[in-house]
């Protein structure tokens, strides 16, 4: 129908909105899209400012007043907005498609978090020291991949056949799997080399293979496990079909 957008798939949605919808509906759709975008950005900035305020500043200044915490939160949110604006020119070097860009960046961030969360649910021996080491390792490797990818795509300065070029050019999904494995190994090794957490810290937070908790029917647990298996199988089938 619109052959002129074939070379730029990202313009498909704006083209459909501007050319097919009447004026009233067009404004309503655009308003809804902007509202959803503003909501997502607001939640992201609020989450970042909350983390910096409560997990960093409050640890450094335990006696800080509520007014000081609010001020630091506002400054943190403004800093996140400023850093986001500075990052915009670099987005084009990762991918020209917004979906691929989002998935690529998530692939550099999510694996260490997923390793700590998922493995921590099933193995009580994992501790905070292992989690910190795993998260730091994932952060360093993720930033390394991002910097090398930007450098290679912006200037092509990485020599083919080298380790740096391989890290910069490996598919982002394959890199995510590799990063997950590395972070998992670091998590296990550091946890086993350091004292285990006390039972009080893991009670109710890790999966137990014994009897269900009081008031929890056994059938409910089996149903939840079955749904988890179906979800994993579905992801595997989708990967195999569209690989």
Protein backbone atom coordinates (compact mmCIF):
# COMPACT_ATOMS: atom_id res chain seq x y z
CA UNK A 1 0.00 0.00 0.00
CA UNK A 2 2.81 2.41 0.91
CA UNK A 3 5.81 1.32 -1.13
CA UNK A 4 7.76 4.44 -0.19
CA UNK A 5 8.33 3.19 3.38
CA UNK A 6 9.88 -0.12 2.32
CA UNK A 7 13.41 1.22 2.83
CA UNK A 8 12.58 2.57 6.30
CA UNK A 9 10.45 0.10 8.30
CA UNK A 10 10.57 2.30 11.41
CA UNK A 11 8.32 4.81 9.67
CA UNK A 12 5.50 2.26 9.16
CA UNK A 13 3.55 3.18 12.29
CA UNK A 14 3.80 6.98 11.86
CA UNK A 15 2.81 6.59 8.20
CA UNK A 16 -0.28 4.53 9.04
CA UNK A 17 -1.33 7.04 11.69
CA UNK A 18 -0.85 10.13 9.55
CA UNK A 19 -2.27 8.75 6.29
CA UNK A 20 -5.09 6.42 7.31
CA UNK A 21 -6.67 7.86 10.44
CA UNK A 22 -9.05 10.85 10.43
CA UNK A 23 -8.00 14.01 12.23
CA UNK A 24 -9.82 13.39 15.52
CA UNK A 25 -8.70 9.78 15.89
CA UNK A 26 -5.21 10.72 14.75
CA UNK A 27 -4.83 13.18 17.61
CA UNK A 28 -6.22 10.66 20.09
CA UNK A 29 -3.75 7.97 18.99
CA UNK A 30 -0.80 10.36 19.13
CA UNK A 31 -1.88 11.58 22.57
CA UNK A 32 -2.08 7.99 23.80
CA UNK A 33 1.35 7.19 22.41
CA UNK A 34 2.90 10.27 24.02
CA UNK A 35 1.18 9.50 27.32
CA UNK A 36 2.55 5.95 27.29
CA UNK A 37 6.03 7.26 26.45
CA UNK A 38 5.92 9.86 29.22
CA UNK A 39 4.69 7.26 31.70
CA UNK A 40 7.52 4.87 30.84
CA UNK A 41 10.15 7.60 31.07
CA UNK A 42 8.74 8.90 34.34
CA UNK A 43 8.79 5.44 35.92
CA UNK A 44 12.36 4.81 34.70
CA UNK A 45 13.66 8.13 36.01
CA UNK A 46 11.83 7.67 39.29
CA UNK A 47 13.28 4.18 39.73
CA UNK A 48 16.82 5.42 39.03
CA UNK A 49 16.51 8.35 41.42
CA UNK A 50 15.06 6.08 44.11
CA UNK A 51 17.95 3.64 43.79
CA UNK A 52 20.54 6.41 43.99
CA UNK A 53 18.79 8.09 46.91
CA UNK A 54 17.99 5.07 49.09
CA UNK A 55 20.73 2.60 48.16
CA UNK A 56 23.64 5.05 47.77
CA UNK A 57 23.05 8.43 49.38
CA UNK A 58 21.12 7.11 52.39
CA UNK A 59 23.85 4.54 53.07
CA UNK A 60 26.44 7.33 53.02
CA UNK A 61 24.28 9.73 55.05
CA UNK A 62 22.09 7.67 57.41
CA UNK A 63 21.06 10.80 59.31
CA UNK A 64 19.80 12.64 56.22
CA UNK A 65 16.42 14.28 56.65
CA UNK A 66 13.40 13.67 54.44
CA UNK A 67 13.91 17.07 52.83
CA UNK A 68 17.48 16.18 51.90
CA UNK A 69 16.40 12.84 50.46
CA UNK A 70 13.74 14.53 48.34
CA UNK A 71 16.29 17.07 47.09
CA UNK A 72 18.80 14.35 46.19
CA UNK A 73 16.05 12.40 44.43
CA UNK A 74 15.14 15.39 42.29
CA UNK A 75 18.77 16.07 41.42
CA UNK A 76 19.28 12.39 40.53
CA UNK A 77 16.25 12.41 38.24
CA UNK A 78 17.54 15.55 36.49
CA UNK A 79 20.94 13.90 36.05
CA UNK A 80 19.31 10.83 34.49
CA UNK A 81 17.43 13.03 32.02
CA UNK A 82 20.65 14.87 31.12
CA UNK A 83 22.61 11.63 30.65
CA UNK A 84 19.77 10.24 28.53
CA UNK A 85 19.95 13.26 26.24
CA UNK A 86 23.71 12.86 25.92
CA UNK A 87 23.25 9.21 24.95
CA UNK A 88 20.88 9.88 22.03
CA UNK A 89 23.62 10.53 19.38
CA UNK A 90 25.20 7.13 20.12
CA UNK A 91 22.02 5.10 19.66
CA UNK A 92 22.36 5.01 15.87
CA UNK A 93 25.67 3.13 16.10
CA UNK A 94 24.08 0.14 17.85
CA UNK A 95 21.13 -0.35 15.50
CA UNK A 96 18.93 1.67 13.17
CA UNK A 97 15.88 -0.23 14.48
CA UNK A 98 14.60 0.84 17.88
CA UNK A 99 13.51 -2.68 18.86
CA UNK A 100 16.93 -4.18 18.09
CA UNK A 101 18.55 -1.33 20.00
CA UNK A 102 16.42 -1.90 23.09
CA UNK A 103 17.01 -5.66 23.06
CA UNK A 104 20.75 -5.17 22.55
CA UNK A 105 21.12 -2.84 25.52
CA UNK A 106 19.02 -5.14 27.70
CA UNK A 107 21.24 -8.06 26.66
CA UNK A 108 24.22 -6.20 28.14
CA UNK A 109 22.44 -5.37 31.41
CA UNK A 110 20.00 -8.17 32.26
CA UNK A 111 22.19 -11.38 32.36
CA UNK A 112 23.97 -10.71 35.70
CA UNK A 113 20.69 -9.64 37.33
CA UNK A 114 18.94 -12.74 35.97
CA UNK A 115 21.78 -14.98 37.20
CA UNK A 116 21.61 -13.63 40.75
CA UNK A 117 17.83 -13.70 40.89
CA UNK A 118 17.15 -17.09 39.30
CA UNK A 119 20.01 -19.03 40.85
CA UNK A 120 19.40 -17.40 44.22
CA UNK A 121 15.87 -18.79 44.20
CA UNK A 122 17.04 -22.40 43.97
CA UNK A 123 20.33 -22.52 45.90
CA UNK A 124 20.54 -21.26 49.47
CA UNK A 125 24.34 -21.36 49.58
CA UNK A 126 24.66 -18.29 47.35
CA UNK A 127 25.37 -15.13 49.32
CA UNK A 128 25.67 -11.37 49.01
CA UNK A 129 29.39 -11.40 48.26
CA UNK A 130 28.85 -13.70 45.29
CA UNK A 131 25.95 -11.58 44.05
CA UNK A 132 28.00 -8.37 44.24
CA UNK A 133 30.92 -10.01 42.43
CA UNK A 134 28.58 -11.35 39.74
CA UNK A 135 26.86 -7.99 39.24
CA UNK A 136 30.18 -6.12 39.03
CA UNK A 137 31.54 -8.67 36.56
CA UNK A 138 28.44 -8.35 34.41
CA UNK A 139 28.61 -4.56 34.54
CA UNK A 140 32.26 -4.49 33.46
CA UNK A 141 31.76 -6.98 30.63
CA UNK A 142 28.53 -5.33 29.49
CA UNK A 143 30.14 -1.89 29.37
CA UNK A 144 33.16 -3.38 27.59
CA UNK A 145 30.93 -4.90 24.91
CA UNK A 146 29.02 -1.64 24.50
CA UNK A 147 32.17 0.47 24.19
CA UNK A 148 33.80 -1.94 21.74
CA UNK A 149 30.63 -2.13 19.64
CA UNK A 150 30.33 1.65 19.47
CA UNK A 151 34.02 2.01 18.64
CA UNK A 152 33.89 -0.61 15.89
CA UNK A 153 30.71 0.73 14.26
CA UNK A 154 31.68 4.39 14.54
CA UNK A 155 35.24 4.14 13.25
CA UNK A 156 35.83 0.50 12.29
CA UNK A 157 39.07 0.64 14.24
CA UNK A 158 39.03 -2.92 15.58
CA UNK A 159 41.18 -5.34 13.62
CA UNK A 160 39.25 -8.42 12.41
CA UNK A 161 40.34 -11.69 13.96
CA UNK A 162 41.21 -10.19 17.34
CA UNK A 163 39.45 -10.89 20.62
CA UNK A 164 38.20 -7.30 20.82
CA UNK A 165 36.67 -7.51 17.35
CA UNK A 166 34.97 -10.79 18.24
CA UNK A 167 33.49 -9.31 21.40
CA UNK A 168 32.26 -6.27 19.46
CA UNK A 169 30.67 -8.23 16.61
CA UNK A 170 29.21 -11.34 18.25
CA UNK A 171 25.41 -11.42 18.08
CA UNK A 172 23.94 -9.65 21.10
CA UNK A 173 21.78 -12.67 22.00
CA UNK A 174 24.80 -14.97 21.98
CA UNK A 175 26.68 -12.43 24.08
CA UNK A 176 23.79 -12.41 26.57
CA UNK A 177 24.02 -16.20 26.96
CA UNK A 178 27.81 -16.03 27.39
CA UNK A 179 27.50 -13.21 29.92
CA UNK A 180 24.88 -15.17 31.88
CA UNK A 181 27.18 -18.21 32.07
CA UNK A 182 30.19 -16.14 33.17
CA UNK A 183 28.19 -14.29 35.84
CA UNK A 184 26.73 -17.58 37.08
CA UNK A 185 30.21 -19.09 37.44
CA UNK A 186 31.44 -16.01 39.33
CA UNK A 187 28.36 -16.15 41.55
CA UNK A 188 28.96 -19.79 42.48
CA UNK A 189 32.73 -19.52 42.94
CA UNK A 190 32.68 -16.42 45.14
CA UNK A 191 29.74 -17.72 47.18
CA UNK A 192 31.46 -21.04 47.86
CA UNK A 193 34.67 -19.24 48.87
CA UNK A 194 32.90 -17.01 51.39
CA UNK A 195 30.72 -17.78 54.45
CA UNK A 196 27.15 -18.90 53.70
CA UNK A 197 24.22 -16.65 54.58
CA UNK A 198 22.35 -17.31 57.79
CA UNK A 199 19.13 -19.36 57.49
CA UNK A 200 17.15 -16.33 58.67
CA UNK A 201 18.18 -14.38 55.56
CA UNK A 202 17.10 -17.07 53.11
CA UNK A 203 13.95 -18.25 54.87
CA UNK A 204 10.99 -17.76 52.57
CA UNK A 205 13.17 -16.45 49.73
CA UNK A 206 14.46 -19.68 48.20
CA UNK A 207 12.62 -22.58 46.63
CA UNK A 208 12.21 -25.56 48.94
CA UNK A 209 11.70 -29.14 47.85
CA UNK A 210 9.88 -30.18 51.00
CA UNK A 211 6.22 -29.94 51.86
CA UNK A 212 4.28 -26.86 50.77
CA UNK A 213 3.80 -24.07 53.26
CA UNK A 214 0.79 -24.18 55.54
CA UNK A 215 -2.32 -23.15 53.65
CA UNK A 216 -0.73 -23.71 50.22
CA UNK A 217 -2.35 -26.63 48.37
CA UNK A 218 0.04 -29.06 46.74
CA UNK A 219 -1.86 -28.80 43.46
CA UNK A 220 -1.19 -25.06 43.26
CA UNK A 221 2.56 -25.62 43.42
CA UNK A 222 2.44 -28.30 40.73
CA UNK A 223 0.36 -26.00 38.54
CA UNK A 224 2.86 -23.15 38.93
CA UNK A 225 5.77 -25.47 38.13
CA UNK A 226 3.90 -26.73 35.07
CA UNK A 227 3.35 -23.18 33.83
CA UNK A 228 7.05 -22.45 34.28
CA UNK A 229 7.97 -25.52 32.24
CA UNK A 230 5.53 -24.49 29.50
CA UNK A 231 7.03 -20.99 29.44
CA UNK A 232 10.59 -22.28 29.11
CA UNK A 233 9.51 -24.74 26.40
CA UNK A 234 7.71 -21.98 24.50
CA UNK A 235 10.79 -19.77 24.56
CA UNK A 236 12.90 -22.68 23.33
CA UNK A 237 10.53 -23.42 20.45
CA UNK A 238 10.38 -19.76 19.43
CA UNK A 239 14.16 -19.55 19.46
CA UNK A 240 14.47 -22.71 17.35
CA UNK A 241 11.90 -21.54 14.80
CA UNK A 242 13.18 -17.98 14.39
CA UNK A 243 16.90 -18.54 14.98
